[in-house]
């Protein structure tokens, strides 16, 4: 299936990009894509995203059943829940971006009114209360936030981005971490200053509420 083959190659490249950018380390993180026929492609459990190949990608159904002996990531539940809640979602990335994750450890809300990219690319960033990793608690905790958010911080557990494409979801994760670093530096320099309200209003008016 050409679409499946192309998607797997894109996932391999996306895993390398996440690793290269320091958004995942060791065997952390996971990513998935939903194909036109509804098949879900998800990275396997215990996989180094910086050095994987197409054999580390599992084909599954939305009900969680999968083919072959390779086990999907233990966090696949959050991907499946996102696809169920968001018909427009075609890709999900879960990573552990250091600066962005630090906001959850410090209990600091993530502002979306300080940089144009924060408002336009990320949209409002949801901060989801802690849920035990790998359990059904995590996808359950996401349900109230998924309809209105494409960028989610998981308390003490990294971040999750949704995308209309895999590139879209990876771009969003990369932007989240870059903005988190800017905000952290601004705090050290004296504080975070929001954009003028008029500018924020104009940005919001351009947002269509979708994932692209």
Protein backbone atom coordinates (compact mmCIF):
# COMPACT_ATOMS: atom_id res chain seq x y z
CA UNK A 1 0.00 0.00 0.00
CA UNK A 2 1.80 3.18 -1.20
CA UNK A 3 0.16 5.46 1.39
CA UNK A 4 1.22 3.14 4.21
CA UNK A 5 4.79 2.91 2.93
CA UNK A 6 5.08 6.67 2.50
CA UNK A 7 3.63 7.27 5.96
CA UNK A 8 6.06 4.85 7.59
CA UNK A 9 9.01 6.57 5.94
CA UNK A 10 7.68 9.93 7.12
CA UNK A 11 7.37 8.57 10.67
CA UNK A 12 10.97 7.34 10.61
CA UNK A 13 12.13 10.80 9.54
CA UNK A 14 9.90 12.47 12.14
CA UNK A 15 11.36 10.27 14.89
CA UNK A 16 14.87 11.32 13.89
CA UNK A 17 13.85 14.96 13.85
CA UNK A 18 12.34 14.75 17.34
CA UNK A 19 15.48 13.02 18.64
CA UNK A 20 17.83 15.46 16.90
CA UNK A 21 15.95 18.43 18.35
CA UNK A 22 16.16 16.96 21.86
CA UNK A 23 12.40 16.56 22.15
CA UNK A 24 12.78 12.86 22.97
CA UNK A 25 15.67 10.88 24.40
CA UNK A 26 16.51 7.22 24.92
CA UNK A 27 13.29 5.28 24.19
CA UNK A 28 10.90 8.10 25.11
CA UNK A 29 7.95 9.39 23.15
CA UNK A 30 5.72 7.97 20.45
CA UNK A 31 4.03 9.09 17.26
CA UNK A 32 1.20 7.92 15.05
CA UNK A 33 -0.58 8.60 11.78
CA UNK A 34 -4.14 7.84 10.66
CA UNK A 35 -4.39 6.68 7.04
CA UNK A 36 -7.28 7.38 4.68
CA UNK A 37 -8.72 3.89 5.22
CA UNK A 38 -8.73 4.37 9.00
CA UNK A 39 -5.62 2.30 9.72
CA UNK A 40 -3.49 3.69 12.53
CA UNK A 41 0.30 3.51 12.28
CA UNK A 42 2.02 3.78 15.67
CA UNK A 43 5.60 3.45 16.85
CA UNK A 44 6.42 0.26 18.72
CA UNK A 45 7.08 -0.06 22.45
CA UNK A 46 10.64 0.46 23.67
CA UNK A 47 11.81 2.04 20.42
CA UNK A 48 14.62 4.58 20.06
CA UNK A 49 12.99 7.21 17.86
CA UNK A 50 16.32 8.58 16.67
CA UNK A 51 17.45 5.29 15.16
CA UNK A 52 14.31 3.43 14.16
CA UNK A 53 13.23 2.03 10.80
CA UNK A 54 9.90 0.99 9.28
CA UNK A 55 9.96 -2.38 11.11
CA UNK A 56 9.34 -0.46 14.34
CA UNK A 57 5.94 0.78 13.20
CA UNK A 58 2.78 -1.13 14.11
CA UNK A 59 -0.41 -1.21 12.01
CA UNK A 60 -3.52 -1.05 14.16
CA UNK A 61 -7.23 -0.36 14.18
CA UNK A 62 -9.03 2.36 16.10
CA UNK A 63 -10.32 -0.29 18.53
CA UNK A 64 -6.72 -1.03 19.58
CA UNK A 65 -6.27 -4.36 17.79
CA UNK A 66 -3.01 -4.73 15.86
CA UNK A 67 -1.29 -7.05 13.42
CA UNK A 68 1.92 -8.94 13.98
CA UNK A 69 4.01 -9.64 17.06
CA UNK A 70 5.51 -6.16 17.54
CA UNK A 71 3.75 -4.41 20.43
CA UNK A 72 2.61 -0.79 20.01
CA UNK A 73 3.72 1.86 22.47
CA UNK A 74 2.13 1.62 25.90
CA UNK A 75 0.92 5.20 25.34
CA UNK A 76 -1.03 4.31 22.19
CA UNK A 77 -4.24 4.86 24.18
CA UNK A 78 -3.78 8.64 24.07
CA UNK A 79 -3.37 8.50 20.30
CA UNK A 80 -6.48 6.40 19.82
CA UNK A 81 -8.51 8.66 22.10
CA UNK A 82 -7.40 11.72 20.12
CA UNK A 83 -8.50 10.10 16.86
CA UNK A 84 -11.86 9.17 18.34
CA UNK A 85 -12.49 12.64 19.73
CA UNK A 86 -11.10 14.57 16.75
CA UNK A 87 -12.15 13.33 13.28
CA UNK A 88 -9.94 16.04 11.78
CA UNK A 89 -6.83 14.66 13.49
CA UNK A 90 -4.51 12.72 11.19
CA UNK A 91 -1.35 12.58 13.33
CA UNK A 92 -0.38 12.63 17.01
CA UNK A 93 3.03 13.24 18.59
CA UNK A 94 3.82 12.60 22.25
CA UNK A 95 7.25 13.80 23.35
CA UNK A 96 9.13 15.02 26.42
CA UNK A 97 10.30 18.54 25.46
CA UNK A 98 12.44 19.68 28.42
CA UNK A 99 11.48 23.35 28.74
CA UNK A 100 7.79 22.82 28.00
CA UNK A 101 7.60 19.91 30.45
CA UNK A 102 9.26 22.09 33.09
CA UNK A 103 6.17 24.33 33.05
CA UNK A 104 4.10 21.38 34.32
CA UNK A 105 6.67 20.42 36.96
CA UNK A 106 6.73 24.00 38.22
CA UNK A 107 2.95 24.27 38.03
CA UNK A 108 3.17 27.37 35.81
CA UNK A 109 0.40 27.98 33.23
CA UNK A 110 1.62 28.25 29.64
CA UNK A 111 0.59 31.63 28.15
CA UNK A 112 -0.50 31.90 24.53
CA UNK A 113 -0.55 35.71 24.30
CA UNK A 114 3.17 36.50 24.31
CA UNK A 115 4.26 35.51 20.78
CA UNK A 116 2.34 35.29 17.49
CA UNK A 117 3.45 31.67 17.03
CA UNK A 118 2.03 30.73 20.41
CA UNK A 119 -1.40 32.03 19.50
CA UNK A 120 -1.48 30.92 15.88
CA UNK A 121 0.54 27.68 15.75
CA UNK A 122 -0.12 26.27 19.20
CA UNK A 123 -3.49 27.78 19.99
CA UNK A 124 -4.48 27.71 23.66
CA UNK A 125 -2.21 25.22 25.44
CA UNK A 126 -4.09 22.89 27.77
CA UNK A 127 -2.48 21.80 31.05
CA UNK A 128 -3.87 18.39 31.93
CA UNK A 129 -3.68 17.18 35.56
CA UNK A 130 -1.35 14.30 36.34
CA UNK A 131 -2.42 10.80 35.34
CA UNK A 132 -0.36 7.64 35.71
CA UNK A 133 1.67 7.04 32.50
CA UNK A 134 0.67 4.05 30.41
CA UNK A 135 -2.70 3.67 32.13
CA UNK A 136 -6.25 4.39 30.97
CA UNK A 137 -6.17 7.37 33.32
CA UNK A 138 -4.17 9.37 30.78
CA UNK A 139 -6.56 9.20 27.81
CA UNK A 140 -9.52 9.68 30.16
CA UNK A 141 -7.91 12.84 31.53
CA UNK A 142 -7.57 14.23 27.99
CA UNK A 143 -11.25 14.02 27.03
CA UNK A 144 -12.33 17.46 28.32
CA UNK A 145 -9.44 19.16 26.51
CA UNK A 146 -9.26 17.46 23.11
CA UNK A 147 -12.18 19.22 21.38
CA UNK A 148 -10.71 22.70 21.86
CA UNK A 149 -6.97 22.09 21.87
CA UNK A 150 -4.27 20.88 19.48
CA UNK A 151 -1.43 21.39 21.99
CA UNK A 152 -1.55 19.68 25.37
CA UNK A 153 0.85 19.62 28.30
CA UNK A 154 0.61 16.44 30.38
CA UNK A 155 1.50 17.16 33.98
CA UNK A 156 4.96 15.71 34.79
CA UNK A 157 4.71 13.67 31.58
CA UNK A 158 5.66 15.76 28.56
CA UNK A 159 3.45 17.08 25.80
CA UNK A 160 1.10 15.97 23.05
CA UNK A 161 0.36 17.70 19.76
CA UNK A 162 -2.28 16.94 17.14
CA UNK A 163 -1.93 17.63 13.46
CA UNK A 164 -3.74 17.61 10.14
CA UNK A 165 -0.55 15.90 8.92
CA UNK A 166 2.46 14.36 10.65
CA UNK A 167 4.60 17.33 9.68
CA UNK A 168 2.00 19.63 11.20
CA UNK A 169 2.07 17.76 14.53
CA UNK A 170 5.89 17.66 14.64
CA UNK A 171 6.12 21.37 13.75
CA UNK A 172 3.74 22.13 16.60
CA UNK A 173 5.85 20.15 19.09
CA UNK A 174 9.00 21.91 17.95
CA UNK A 175 7.32 25.32 18.21
CA UNK A 176 6.03 24.49 21.70
CA UNK A 177 9.54 23.80 22.97
CA UNK A 178 11.07 26.85 21.29
CA UNK A 179 8.45 29.15 22.80
CA UNK A 180 8.86 27.49 26.21
CA UNK A 181 12.57 28.34 26.11
CA UNK A 182 11.85 31.95 25.14
CA UNK A 183 9.36 32.26 28.00
CA UNK A 184 11.83 30.75 30.48
CA UNK A 185 14.53 33.19 29.33
CA UNK A 186 12.12 36.12 29.53
CA UNK A 187 11.29 35.14 33.11
CA UNK A 188 14.99 35.21 33.98
CA UNK A 189 15.31 38.65 32.37
CA UNK A 190 12.54 40.10 34.47
CA UNK A 191 9.19 38.72 33.41
CA UNK A 192 6.87 37.75 30.58
CA UNK A 193 4.99 40.58 28.86
CA UNK A 194 1.90 39.77 26.78
CA UNK A 195 1.29 41.22 23.32
CA UNK A 196 -1.12 44.14 22.99
CA UNK A 197 -4.72 42.96 23.22
CA UNK A 198 -5.47 44.36 19.76
CA UNK A 199 -2.75 42.16 18.25
CA UNK A 200 -4.03 39.11 20.10
CA UNK A 201 -7.57 39.80 18.89
CA UNK A 202 -6.35 39.96 15.28
CA UNK A 203 -4.48 36.68 15.63
CA UNK A 204 -7.48 34.93 17.15
CA UNK A 205 -9.70 36.19 14.32
CA UNK A 206 -7.42 34.45 11.81
CA UNK A 207 -7.56 31.10 13.58
CA UNK A 208 -10.05 28.64 12.12
CA UNK A 209 -10.12 26.33 15.13
CA UNK A 210 -8.78 23.43 13.07
CA UNK A 211 -5.47 21.62 13.18
CA UNK A 212 -3.68 23.10 10.17
